[in-house]
Protein backbone atom coordinates (compact mmCIF):
# COMPACT_ATOMS: atom_id res chain seq x y z
CA MET A 1 49.92 -14.96 32.43
CA PRO A 2 47.47 -14.83 35.35
CA ARG A 3 46.03 -18.14 36.51
CA LYS A 4 42.50 -19.14 35.53
CA ARG A 5 39.90 -18.85 38.25
CA VAL A 6 38.31 -22.05 39.47
CA ASN A 7 34.85 -20.50 39.49
CA PRO A 8 34.47 -17.67 36.96
CA GLN A 9 31.19 -16.66 38.62
CA GLU A 10 32.91 -15.58 41.82
CA PRO A 11 34.35 -12.06 42.07
CA PRO A 12 38.11 -11.89 41.67
CA ARG A 13 40.09 -12.30 44.86
CA LYS A 14 42.42 -9.37 45.20
CA ARG A 15 45.60 -9.35 47.21
CA ASN A 16 45.35 -7.46 50.46
CA ARG A 17 48.16 -5.24 51.64
CA THR A 18 47.06 -4.90 55.24
CA GLY A 19 47.85 -8.36 56.56
CA CYS A 20 50.10 -9.01 59.51
CA ASN A 21 53.85 -9.06 59.11
CA LYS A 22 54.16 -12.85 59.62
CA CYS A 23 51.59 -13.73 56.94
CA ARG A 24 53.13 -11.33 54.48
CA ALA A 25 56.59 -12.81 55.09
CA ARG A 26 55.22 -16.40 54.63
CA LYS A 27 53.19 -15.26 51.58
CA VAL A 28 49.94 -16.72 52.88
CA ARG A 29 46.55 -15.09 53.03
CA CYS A 30 45.82 -13.31 56.32
CA ASP A 31 42.23 -13.17 57.58
CA GLU A 32 43.17 -10.00 59.52
CA GLN A 33 41.35 -11.01 62.69
CA LYS A 34 42.19 -8.94 65.76
CA PRO A 35 44.12 -9.05 67.96
CA VAL A 36 45.60 -12.29 66.49
CA CYS A 37 44.87 -13.54 62.98
CA GLY A 38 43.92 -17.18 62.30
CA GLN A 39 47.24 -18.16 60.75
CA CYS A 40 49.29 -16.83 63.68
CA ARG A 41 46.91 -18.39 66.21
CA ALA A 42 47.27 -21.80 64.56
CA LYS A 43 51.04 -21.62 64.32
CA GLY A 44 51.61 -19.91 67.66
CA PHE A 45 53.28 -16.87 66.14
CA ASP A 46 53.27 -13.32 67.49
CA CYS A 47 50.85 -11.35 65.31
CA GLU A 48 52.10 -7.85 64.58
CA THR A 49 50.77 -5.33 62.10
CA SER A 50 53.01 -2.41 61.25
CA ILE A 51 54.32 -0.43 58.32
CA LYS A 52 57.73 -1.36 57.00
CA LEU A 53 59.53 1.37 55.11
CA LYS A 54 61.54 0.38 52.06
CA TRP A 55 64.27 2.49 50.52
CA GLU A 56 65.09 2.35 46.84
CA GLN A 57 68.82 2.75 47.50
CA ASP A 58 68.88 -0.49 49.54
CA TYR A 59 67.19 -2.48 46.79
CA THR A 60 69.33 -0.97 44.03
CA SER A 61 72.58 -1.72 45.86
CA ALA A 62 71.46 -5.36 46.30
CA GLY A 63 70.54 -5.68 42.60
CA ARG A 64 66.82 -6.18 43.32
CA ALA A 65 63.80 -4.51 41.80
CA PHE A 66 62.18 -1.83 43.92
CA GLY A 67 58.46 -2.55 44.17
CA ARG A 68 56.91 -3.26 40.77
CA ALA A 69 59.07 -0.78 38.86
CA GLY A 70 59.82 -2.15 35.37
CA LEU A 71 57.30 -5.06 35.59
CA TRP A 72 54.42 -5.52 33.13
CA SER A 73 55.64 -2.49 31.19
CA LYS A 74 54.33 -2.11 27.65
CA LYS A 75 57.35 0.04 26.75
CA THR A 76 60.34 -1.43 25.03
CA ALA A 77 63.59 -1.76 26.89
CA GLU A 78 65.15 0.88 24.68
CA LYS A 79 62.48 3.44 25.49
CA ALA A 80 62.65 2.62 29.17
CA ASP A 81 66.40 3.12 29.19
CA ALA A 82 66.07 6.34 27.22
CA SER A 83 63.61 7.76 29.75
CA SER A 84 65.64 6.76 32.78
CA PRO A 85 66.19 9.77 35.09
CA CYS A 86 69.60 8.53 36.24
CA ILE A 87 72.48 10.80 35.30
CA HIS A 88 76.01 9.48 35.58
CA VAL A 89 78.67 12.03 36.45
CA THR A 90 82.30 11.71 37.36
CA GLU A 91 83.73 12.68 40.73
CA ASP A 92 85.42 15.69 39.16
CA GLU A 93 82.03 17.05 38.12
CA VAL A 94 80.55 16.78 41.61
CA SER A 95 80.71 19.82 43.92
CA TRP A 96 79.50 19.74 47.49
CA ILE A 97 77.58 22.59 49.10
CA GLN A 98 79.15 23.79 52.33
CA ILE A 99 77.13 22.75 55.37
CA PRO A 100 76.21 25.87 57.39
CA LEU A 101 77.10 26.11 61.06
CA ILE A 102 74.02 25.17 63.09
CA THR A 103 73.86 26.20 66.75
CA SER A 104 71.23 26.34 69.45
CA TYR A 105 70.34 29.97 68.70
CA SER A 106 69.77 29.27 64.98
CA PHE A 107 66.24 27.91 65.27
CA VAL A 108 63.21 30.13 64.77
CA ASN A 109 60.09 28.04 65.28
CA ALA A 110 56.51 28.89 64.31
CA THR A 111 53.70 26.97 66.00
CA VAL A 112 49.99 26.76 65.28
CA GLY A 113 49.46 29.21 68.13
CA ASN A 114 51.80 31.71 66.47
CA VAL A 115 49.82 31.54 63.24
CA GLU A 116 46.52 31.93 65.09
CA GLN A 117 47.86 35.10 66.70
CA LEU A 118 48.43 36.72 63.33
CA THR A 119 44.78 37.74 62.98
CA THR A 120 44.96 39.56 66.30
CA LEU A 121 48.24 41.16 65.35
CA GLU A 122 46.80 42.31 62.02
CA ASN A 123 43.93 43.93 63.86
CA LEU A 124 46.38 45.68 66.16
CA ALA A 125 48.34 46.86 63.18
CA LEU A 126 45.31 48.21 61.48
CA GLU A 127 44.15 50.09 64.59
CA ALA A 128 82.43 41.94 62.20
CA THR A 129 86.06 42.30 62.06
CA PRO A 130 88.50 45.30 61.92
CA VAL A 131 88.91 44.79 58.16
CA LEU A 132 85.22 45.31 57.46
CA ASP A 133 83.92 48.48 55.85
CA VAL A 134 82.72 50.74 58.64
CA ILE A 135 81.75 54.36 58.52
CA ARG A 136 83.92 57.31 59.42
CA THR A 137 81.81 60.30 60.33
CA ASN A 138 84.21 62.75 58.71
CA ASP A 139 83.72 61.05 55.33
CA ARG A 140 79.94 61.31 55.10
CA ASP A 141 79.97 64.10 52.52
CA ASP A 142 80.38 61.49 49.79
CA THR A 143 76.92 59.93 50.15
CA SER A 144 76.72 57.97 46.96
CA SER A 145 75.70 54.71 48.61
CA THR A 146 72.00 55.49 49.06
CA ALA A 147 69.48 58.03 47.85
CA SER A 148 66.92 59.89 49.90
CA LEU A 149 63.25 58.91 49.82
CA SER A 150 62.16 62.42 50.73
CA PRO A 151 60.53 64.43 47.90
CA TRP A 152 62.40 67.47 49.26
CA LEU A 153 65.88 65.98 48.97
CA SER A 154 67.48 64.53 46.07
CA ALA A 155 80.82 55.84 48.86
CA ARG A 156 81.71 55.97 52.24
CA GLN A 157 85.32 55.26 53.10
CA PRO A 158 86.54 52.25 55.10
CA VAL A 159 88.28 52.72 58.38
CA PHE A 160 90.67 50.19 59.88
CA LEU A 161 90.11 49.93 63.58
CA PRO A 162 92.98 48.53 65.63
CA ARG A 163 92.09 46.29 68.52
CA GLN A 164 92.44 48.06 71.86
CA HIS A 165 93.61 46.42 75.03
CA SER A 166 92.51 48.43 78.04
CA ILE A 167 94.10 47.96 81.43
CA PRO A 168 91.47 47.91 84.21
CA SER A 169 91.96 50.42 86.96
CA ALA A 170 92.47 49.37 90.55
CA LEU A 171 89.29 48.62 92.47
CA PRO A 172 88.29 51.14 95.14
CA MET A 173 87.85 50.20 98.76
CA LEU A 174 84.45 48.61 99.28
CA PRO A 175 82.42 49.04 102.47
CA ASP A 176 81.87 46.34 105.05
CA LEU A 177 78.55 44.63 104.37
CA PRO A 178 76.43 42.46 106.66
CA SER A 179 77.05 39.20 104.80
CA PRO A 180 79.53 37.66 102.34
CA MET A 181 76.63 37.37 99.88
CA HIS A 182 76.21 41.16 99.83
CA SER A 183 79.94 41.70 99.39
CA ASN A 184 79.90 39.24 96.52
CA LEU A 185 77.00 41.08 94.85
CA LEU A 186 78.68 44.47 95.23
CA SER A 187 81.85 43.14 93.62
CA TYR A 188 79.73 41.65 90.84
CA TYR A 189 78.05 45.00 90.26
CA LEU A 190 81.36 46.83 90.04
CA GLU A 191 83.29 44.28 87.99
CA LYS A 192 80.56 42.82 85.74
CA ILE A 193 77.69 45.29 85.40
CA CYS A 194 79.38 48.68 85.31
CA PRO A 195 81.80 47.88 82.43
CA ILE A 196 78.96 46.78 80.12
CA THR A 197 76.88 49.93 80.64
CA VAL A 198 79.08 52.06 78.35
CA PRO A 199 80.47 51.37 74.87
CA SER A 200 83.65 53.28 75.67
CA SER A 201 86.88 51.60 76.65
CA VAL A 202 88.24 54.92 77.94
CA ASN A 203 85.39 56.60 79.83
CA LYS A 204 84.10 55.11 83.06
CA SER A 205 80.46 54.29 83.60
CA PRO A 206 78.30 56.74 85.60
CA PHE A 207 77.02 53.67 87.42
CA ALA A 208 80.54 53.30 88.82
CA ASN A 209 81.84 56.85 89.28
CA LEU A 210 78.56 58.54 90.33
CA ILE A 211 76.05 56.09 91.77
CA LEU A 212 78.37 53.74 93.65
CA PRO A 213 80.26 56.49 95.58
CA PHE A 214 76.95 58.14 96.45
CA SER A 215 75.52 54.85 97.76
CA ILE A 216 78.59 54.11 99.87
CA SER A 217 78.91 57.57 101.38
CA SER A 218 75.33 58.81 101.68
CA SER A 219 72.59 56.26 101.00
CA PRO A 220 72.23 52.73 102.38
CA ALA A 221 68.93 52.48 100.46
CA VAL A 222 70.69 53.10 97.13
CA LEU A 223 73.35 50.56 98.09
CA GLU A 224 70.67 47.97 98.76
CA ALA A 225 69.06 48.83 95.41
CA LEU A 226 72.40 48.21 93.68
CA LEU A 227 72.66 44.84 95.41
CA ALA A 228 69.14 43.98 94.21
CA LEU A 229 70.11 44.98 90.66
CA ALA A 230 73.24 42.82 90.81
CA ALA A 231 71.28 39.84 92.14
CA CYS A 232 68.64 40.24 89.42
CA HIS A 233 71.29 40.41 86.71
CA ARG A 234 73.14 37.41 88.11
CA SER A 235 69.94 35.36 88.46
CA LYS A 236 69.69 35.23 84.66
CA LYS A 237 72.54 32.73 84.73
CA ASP A 238 72.26 31.39 88.29
CA ILE A 239 68.72 30.79 89.54
CA ALA A 240 70.02 30.59 93.12
CA PHE A 241 70.17 34.40 93.20
CA ARG A 242 66.50 34.75 92.27
CA SER A 243 65.19 34.75 95.83
CA THR A 244 67.91 37.18 96.94
CA SER A 245 66.97 39.51 94.11
CA LEU A 246 63.28 39.50 95.05
CA ARG A 247 63.99 39.99 98.76
CA LEU A 248 66.34 42.93 98.24
CA GLY A 249 64.05 44.53 95.67
CA ASP A 250 61.10 44.25 98.05
CA ASN A 251 63.12 45.89 100.83
CA VAL A 252 63.98 48.84 98.58
CA LEU A 253 60.35 49.31 97.56
CA ARG A 254 59.21 49.27 101.19
CA THR A 255 61.83 51.86 102.11
CA LEU A 256 60.75 54.14 99.27
CA ARG A 257 57.06 53.78 100.10
CA GLY A 258 57.75 54.46 103.76
CA ARG A 259 59.49 57.75 102.94
CA LEU A 260 56.75 58.82 100.54
CA GLY A 261 54.09 58.02 103.14
CA THR A 262 55.66 59.67 106.20
CA GLU A 263 57.95 62.51 105.10
CA ASP A 264 57.26 65.84 103.44
CA PRO A 265 56.64 65.15 99.70
CA LEU A 266 58.74 68.12 98.56
CA LYS A 267 61.64 67.04 100.76
CA VAL A 268 61.47 63.52 99.35
CA ALA A 269 61.30 64.84 95.79
CA MET A 270 64.30 67.12 96.27
CA ASP A 271 66.42 64.35 97.77
CA PRO A 272 68.58 62.87 94.96
CA GLU A 273 68.33 59.49 96.68
CA THR A 274 64.68 59.17 95.61
CA LEU A 275 65.38 59.69 91.91
CA VAL A 276 68.38 57.37 91.96
CA ILE A 277 66.40 54.58 93.64
CA MET A 278 63.64 54.93 91.04
CA MET A 279 66.25 54.74 88.27
CA ILE A 280 67.77 51.54 89.69
CA LEU A 281 64.32 49.99 90.16
CA CYS A 282 63.50 50.87 86.56
CA GLN A 283 66.65 49.11 85.36
CA TYR A 284 65.81 46.19 87.66
CA GLU A 285 62.42 45.70 85.97
CA ILE A 286 63.96 45.96 82.49
CA ILE A 287 66.42 43.17 83.26
CA ASN A 288 63.82 41.13 85.13
CA GLU A 289 60.77 40.91 82.83
CA CYS A 290 60.81 44.06 80.66
CA ASP A 291 57.05 44.45 80.95
CA LYS A 292 54.89 47.46 81.80
CA ARG A 293 56.35 47.78 85.30
CA TRP A 294 59.46 49.63 84.17
CA VAL A 295 57.17 52.15 82.45
CA VAL A 296 55.47 52.75 85.83
CA HIS A 297 58.83 53.84 87.27
CA LEU A 298 59.37 55.99 84.17
CA LYS A 299 56.09 57.85 84.70
CA GLY A 300 56.75 58.21 88.42
CA ALA A 301 60.16 59.73 87.67
CA ARG A 302 58.55 62.18 85.26
CA ASP A 303 56.19 63.43 87.98
CA LEU A 304 59.04 63.64 90.47
CA ILE A 305 61.20 65.64 88.07
CA ARG A 306 58.33 68.03 87.40
CA VAL A 307 58.01 68.67 91.13
CA ARG A 308 61.73 69.36 91.38
CA ARG A 309 61.70 71.78 88.46
CA ASN A 310 58.57 73.57 89.59
CA ALA A 311 60.07 74.10 93.01
CA GLN A 312 62.97 75.98 91.37
CA LEU A 313 65.32 74.84 94.07
CA TYR A 314 68.88 73.59 93.73
CA LEU A 315 70.65 70.90 95.60
CA THR A 316 73.16 71.99 98.19
CA ALA A 317 74.90 68.68 98.66
CA GLY A 318 77.70 69.51 96.25
CA GLN A 319 78.50 69.11 92.59
CA SER A 320 78.38 65.32 92.71
CA SER A 321 74.71 65.43 93.73
CA ASN A 322 73.91 67.76 90.83
CA GLU A 323 75.67 65.45 88.38
CA LEU A 324 73.83 62.53 89.90
CA VAL A 325 70.44 64.16 89.35
CA GLU A 326 71.35 65.18 85.80
CA PHE A 327 72.37 61.64 84.95
CA SER A 328 69.19 60.20 86.48
CA GLU A 329 67.02 62.58 84.46
CA LYS A 330 68.98 61.76 81.32
CA TYR A 331 68.55 58.04 81.98
CA PHE A 332 64.76 58.27 82.16
CA ALA A 333 64.42 60.61 79.18
CA PHE A 334 66.63 58.38 77.01
CA GLN A 335 64.69 55.25 77.95
CA ASP A 336 61.52 57.08 76.93
CA VAL A 337 62.83 58.19 73.52
CA ILE A 338 64.34 54.85 72.50
CA GLY A 339 61.28 52.94 73.68
CA ARG A 340 58.96 55.19 71.67
CA THR A 341 60.90 54.60 68.44
CA ALA A 342 59.59 51.03 68.53
CA CYS A 343 56.03 51.43 69.80
CA GLY A 344 55.15 54.96 68.64
CA GLU A 345 53.22 55.82 71.81
CA GLU A 346 52.80 59.25 73.37
CA PRO A 347 55.93 60.73 74.98
CA ILE A 348 56.40 60.61 78.73
CA PHE A 349 59.27 63.10 78.70
CA GLY A 350 59.22 66.12 76.41
CA SER A 351 61.88 67.22 73.94
CA ASP A 352 63.04 69.94 76.37
CA PHE A 353 65.38 67.40 77.98
CA TRP A 354 67.59 67.40 74.89
CA THR A 355 69.43 70.24 73.21
CA SER A 356 69.58 70.14 69.42
CA GLN A 357 73.03 71.77 69.50
CA GLY A 358 74.72 69.08 71.59
CA GLU A 359 77.45 67.54 69.44
CA ASP A 360 79.64 66.05 72.18
CA THR A 361 79.28 62.28 72.36
CA ASP A 362 78.13 61.09 75.77
CA ALA A 363 79.88 57.95 77.02
CA TRP A 364 76.73 56.46 78.54
CA LEU A 365 74.35 57.40 75.70
CA GLY A 366 76.81 56.16 73.11
CA CYS A 367 75.88 59.15 70.94
CA SER A 368 75.37 62.91 71.20
CA ALA A 369 72.45 64.75 72.78
CA GLY A 370 71.84 66.27 69.34
CA LEU A 371 71.10 62.83 67.89
CA VAL A 372 68.68 62.04 70.72
CA SER A 373 66.97 65.38 70.10
CA ILE A 374 66.47 64.46 66.43
CA LEU A 375 65.17 61.03 67.43
CA CYS A 376 62.70 62.68 69.78
CA GLU A 377 61.33 64.80 66.92
CA ILE A 378 61.15 61.80 64.58
CA THR A 379 59.13 59.78 67.09
CA GLU A 380 56.71 62.66 67.60
CA LEU A 381 56.25 63.14 63.84
CA SER A 382 55.78 59.38 63.46
CA ARG A 383 53.12 59.40 66.18
CA GLN A 384 51.25 62.13 64.33
CA HIS A 385 51.39 60.06 61.15
CA ARG A 386 50.06 57.02 62.97
CA SER A 387 47.03 58.94 64.24
CA ARG A 388 46.48 60.75 60.90
CA PRO A 389 47.88 58.62 58.04
CA GLY A 390 46.95 61.18 55.41
CA ILE A 391 49.25 63.77 56.96
CA CYS A 392 52.22 62.34 55.04
CA LEU A 393 50.86 63.94 51.86
CA LEU A 394 50.93 67.44 53.33
CA PRO A 395 53.86 69.67 52.33
CA ASP A 396 54.47 70.68 55.95
CA PHE A 397 54.96 67.04 57.03
CA GLN A 398 57.27 66.34 54.09
CA TYR A 399 59.28 69.46 54.84
CA GLN A 400 59.73 68.48 58.50
CA ALA A 401 60.81 64.95 57.53
CA ALA A 402 63.30 66.32 54.98
CA SER A 403 64.64 68.78 57.54
CA LEU A 404 65.24 65.99 60.07
CA GLU A 405 66.96 63.92 57.39
CA ARG A 406 69.29 66.79 56.51
CA ARG A 407 70.15 67.28 60.18
CA LEU A 408 70.97 63.59 60.55
CA CYS A 409 73.20 63.57 57.47
CA SER A 410 75.12 66.64 58.59
CA LEU A 411 75.32 65.72 62.29
CA ARG A 412 78.83 65.73 63.71
CA GLN A 413 79.31 63.82 66.96
CA ARG A 414 82.54 64.83 68.63
CA VAL A 415 84.46 62.45 70.87
CA LEU A 416 86.64 64.23 73.41
CA GLY A 417 89.23 61.47 73.53
CA GLU A 418 90.62 60.98 70.04
CA GLU A 419 91.85 57.52 70.97
CA ASP A 420 88.32 56.34 71.83
CA ASP A 421 87.49 54.81 68.44
CA LEU A 422 84.87 52.47 69.91
CA LEU A 423 82.79 55.36 71.23
CA GLN A 424 83.05 57.04 67.82
CA LEU A 425 81.83 53.88 66.09
CA SER A 426 79.00 53.51 68.60
CA ALA A 427 77.84 57.06 67.86
CA GLU A 428 77.93 56.42 64.11
CA LEU A 429 76.03 53.15 64.59
CA LYS A 430 73.19 54.95 66.34
CA ARG A 431 73.17 57.69 63.68
CA LEU A 432 72.79 55.08 60.92
CA ALA A 433 70.01 53.36 62.87
CA ALA A 434 68.27 56.73 63.27
CA GLU A 435 68.49 57.30 59.49
CA LEU A 436 66.96 53.88 58.81
CA TYR A 437 64.22 54.48 61.37
CA LEU A 438 63.41 57.87 59.82
CA HIS A 439 63.07 56.41 56.32
CA CYS A 440 60.81 53.59 57.53
CA ALA A 441 58.67 55.60 59.96
CA LEU A 442 58.29 58.83 57.95
CA ASN A 443 59.19 58.18 54.30
CA GLY A 444 57.44 54.84 53.80
CA ALA A 445 60.57 52.75 53.18
CA THR A 446 60.18 48.96 52.97
CA PRO A 447 62.72 46.12 53.43
CA ALA A 448 63.03 45.47 49.69
CA MET A 449 64.27 48.98 48.88
CA PRO A 450 68.00 49.33 48.10
CA LEU A 451 68.24 52.24 50.55
CA VAL A 452 67.02 50.03 53.41
CA VAL A 453 69.25 47.13 52.36
CA GLY A 454 72.29 49.43 52.29
CA HIS A 455 71.61 50.81 55.76
CA VAL A 456 71.00 47.33 57.18
CA GLN A 457 74.34 46.12 55.81
CA GLN A 458 76.22 49.08 57.27
CA ILE A 459 74.54 48.66 60.66
CA LEU A 460 75.36 44.95 60.84
CA ARG A 461 78.98 45.64 59.89
CA LEU A 462 79.38 48.14 62.72
CA VAL A 463 77.64 45.79 65.16
CA SER A 464 80.09 43.07 64.14
CA VAL A 465 83.11 45.30 64.74
CA LEU A 466 81.89 46.48 68.14
CA LEU A 467 80.96 42.95 69.16
CA GLU A 468 84.41 41.74 68.12
CA HIS A 469 85.94 44.31 70.50
CA GLY A 470 83.75 43.22 73.41
CA VAL A 471 81.29 46.15 73.30
CA LEU A 472 77.83 45.16 74.57
CA ALA A 473 76.30 48.51 75.53
CA GLY A 474 74.11 50.29 73.02
CA LEU A 475 73.79 47.44 70.50
CA SER A 476 70.19 46.39 71.20
CA TRP A 477 68.44 49.32 69.52
CA PRO A 478 70.47 49.50 66.26
CA LEU A 479 70.35 45.71 65.94
CA PHE A 480 66.59 45.75 66.48
CA VAL A 481 66.00 48.47 63.87
CA ALA A 482 68.03 46.54 61.29
CA ALA A 483 66.53 43.15 62.18
CA VAL A 484 62.88 44.15 61.81
CA GLU A 485 63.60 45.64 58.37
CA LEU A 486 65.00 42.47 56.79
CA ASP A 487 63.32 41.35 53.59
CA PRO A 488 61.60 37.97 54.21
CA MET A 489 62.06 37.00 50.55
CA GLU A 490 65.82 37.54 50.44
CA ASP A 491 68.52 36.13 52.69
CA LEU A 492 70.74 39.20 52.86
CA GLU A 493 74.48 38.53 52.74
CA TRP A 494 75.91 41.42 54.74
CA ALA A 495 79.59 40.40 54.52
CA GLU A 496 81.88 38.07 52.59
CA ARG A 497 82.43 34.67 54.20
CA GLN A 498 86.22 34.92 54.03
CA ASP A 499 86.20 38.24 55.93
CA LEU A 500 84.61 36.75 59.05
CA PRO A 501 85.62 34.26 61.74
CA ASP A 502 84.19 30.78 61.31
CA GLU A 503 81.59 31.21 64.05
CA VAL A 504 80.17 34.51 62.72
CA PRO A 505 77.38 34.06 60.11
CA ASN A 506 77.61 36.20 56.99
CA TYR A 507 73.87 36.20 56.34
CA ALA A 508 71.68 38.73 58.09
CA ARG A 509 69.12 36.64 59.97
CA PRO A 510 71.61 34.11 61.38
CA PHE A 511 73.90 37.00 62.33
CA VAL A 512 71.08 38.76 64.20
CA LEU A 513 70.40 35.57 66.16
CA TYR A 514 74.13 35.11 66.75
CA THR A 515 74.46 38.64 68.12
CA LEU A 516 71.43 38.26 70.37
CA ASP A 517 72.91 35.02 71.68
CA ARG A 518 76.20 36.81 72.39
CA LEU A 519 74.40 39.63 74.18
CA GLY A 520 72.29 37.20 76.19
CA GLY A 521 75.26 34.98 77.00
CA SER A 522 77.24 37.98 78.21
CA ASN A 523 74.28 39.25 80.27
CA ALA A 524 73.98 42.63 78.58
CA ILE A 525 72.01 45.30 80.46
CA ALA A 526 68.82 44.61 78.53
CA ASN A 527 66.12 41.98 78.25
CA ILE A 528 67.48 40.13 75.22
CA ALA A 529 64.88 37.35 75.42
CA LYS A 530 62.00 39.76 74.86
CA THR A 531 63.88 41.63 72.12
CA ARG A 532 64.44 38.37 70.25
CA SER A 533 60.80 37.39 70.74
CA VAL A 534 59.58 40.61 69.11
CA ILE A 535 62.05 40.27 66.22
CA GLU A 536 60.94 36.70 65.54
CA ARG A 537 57.28 37.71 65.54
CA VAL A 538 57.97 40.50 63.06
CA TRP A 539 59.74 37.98 60.81
CA LEU A 540 56.80 35.59 61.14
CA ILE A 541 54.21 38.21 60.23
CA ARG A 542 56.21 39.42 57.23
CA SER A 543 56.64 35.86 55.94
CA HIS A 544 52.96 35.12 56.49
CA ASP A 545 51.92 38.21 54.55
CA GLU A 546 54.25 37.33 51.69
CA ILE A 547 52.72 33.87 51.44
CA SER A 548 49.09 34.96 51.87
CA ASP A 549 49.40 38.17 49.79
CA THR A 550 47.85 40.29 52.56
CA GLN A 551 50.67 42.80 52.90
CA GLY A 552 48.79 45.48 50.96
CA GLU A 553 45.82 45.65 53.34
CA GLY A 554 47.51 47.92 55.86
CA LEU A 555 49.10 50.09 53.20
CA GLU A 556 45.69 50.70 51.66
CA LYS A 557 44.66 52.36 54.93
CA GLY A 558 47.65 54.67 54.92
CA GLN A 559 49.90 52.70 57.28
CA ASN A 560 53.59 52.59 56.54
CA ASP A 561 55.74 49.50 56.96
CA TRP A 562 56.86 50.34 60.51
CA GLU A 563 53.32 50.99 61.74
CA ARG A 564 52.00 47.74 60.29
CA TYR A 565 54.69 45.27 61.31
CA VAL A 566 56.74 46.71 64.19
CA ALA A 567 54.83 49.17 66.38
CA PRO A 568 51.91 46.85 67.37
CA LEU A 569 54.32 44.35 68.93
CA CYS A 570 56.57 46.67 70.93
CA GLY A 571 54.51 47.90 73.86
CA GLY A 572 56.66 47.99 77.00
CA LEU A 573 59.83 47.04 75.12
CA SER A 574 63.04 48.69 76.35
CA LEU A 575 65.84 48.98 73.79
CA ALA A 576 68.11 51.59 75.39
């Protein structure tokens, strides 16, 4: 029972819980004076006030009561025992959940600043292994896995891909350069950069068999541009090459400006050196920052190519120069098409650069010219829909979308070398990504639809196989298309755990981050950091809309899923 008060007229004296640690330990009343209470001052103790955390497990293991649990209870002991939440199980009944592999790339953080940006972004929007199932292009007639979303249109077989071991060819004789640093950079370009520009293990890169011989034999300016590109690429891992990269790049720009300012413009335009230098500078800016500067080179190349074509002249420097110009034009046009799939902006290069009948798979493109032609038409139709959302209800728009879908499904991409399975898989990967992009950009597909889920799984499986075989070229765009169409409310399991190596995640989001880390760690010819940044922001916006129930606002104004979540974030992003 509580003790009787000496003076009943006085208010009850309650225990305080904010006294200093020493008074609480001695169980004496603390007057809580600052900075030292009266008790500690009198006894000469150090007066400290802090919070001490207590854990129930510690008290239970010592056989002590935790806090006031069980004291002054009006319930009987039987009722208290009956309501106890403790459940006793045997060791045989306990199963442990496997701890997932956590690595440095696994963390996707959202800050207060990220959340504050969502309002601005909403306004912008409103304005694996050889055993995995991969797709054989000859078996696409049996298309039972997914259904079309087109109102005009109503199981793929596994292929077992053997691992290939290619023997590198002997290195050609390299020229004498002014310094060992330059020789080192040229070797780096040839041995490290050129092999990762093509997905093929059989075909050589045009950067090695076209541009390098031209630079050595005919153009010191192109050679210096290649050295700048190599230094820029190497500076991503070794900051010591940063200053070299900037110095060489500045020298190339001064050389190009000097020619444009002093020589005949038509002569400069007709010289293949000019177009090649602009191409290398464009790639330099993509690797460096991947901002609007690479688009400046893209637009400059477009004007230069127009001058060349209007002049109706042909190069007389031999077949190699013609091939060099054709590759340079193809490079710029492909960068334009792939970049526009993400942002939906107006085209810089027209569709006349691509023939719809081209079925031969190009080693550098990683697909056929016919596929790029279809992509070009999809991006243009998507741009029309973005400017006029109601156009998707018109029969003409639906017919064009259905026609493009039929062409994609029936597209055959021939590979000249039958033994080049990796190039064949790369072409099929891009075709699947084009199908997914078409459904999202034209047919209103969303991440929760089974059709989208099926395409995402197939894309990630092919990415896993190519990554397992050391292929880095051409993965950024298909991976991006699949990543931005992941359902935020479902952690997609794209493969069985037992079918994958221990370090490869079998869930979609961790696998996307794993692949981006592999691409970044291997210094792929792309700006992986910016690609990951855009993907993470798309994930953040989707999750925010799911929580706040605002996802229907854009759809009410006629926007499809791609226009609301992806396009506003992708200005200046290169995915080729």
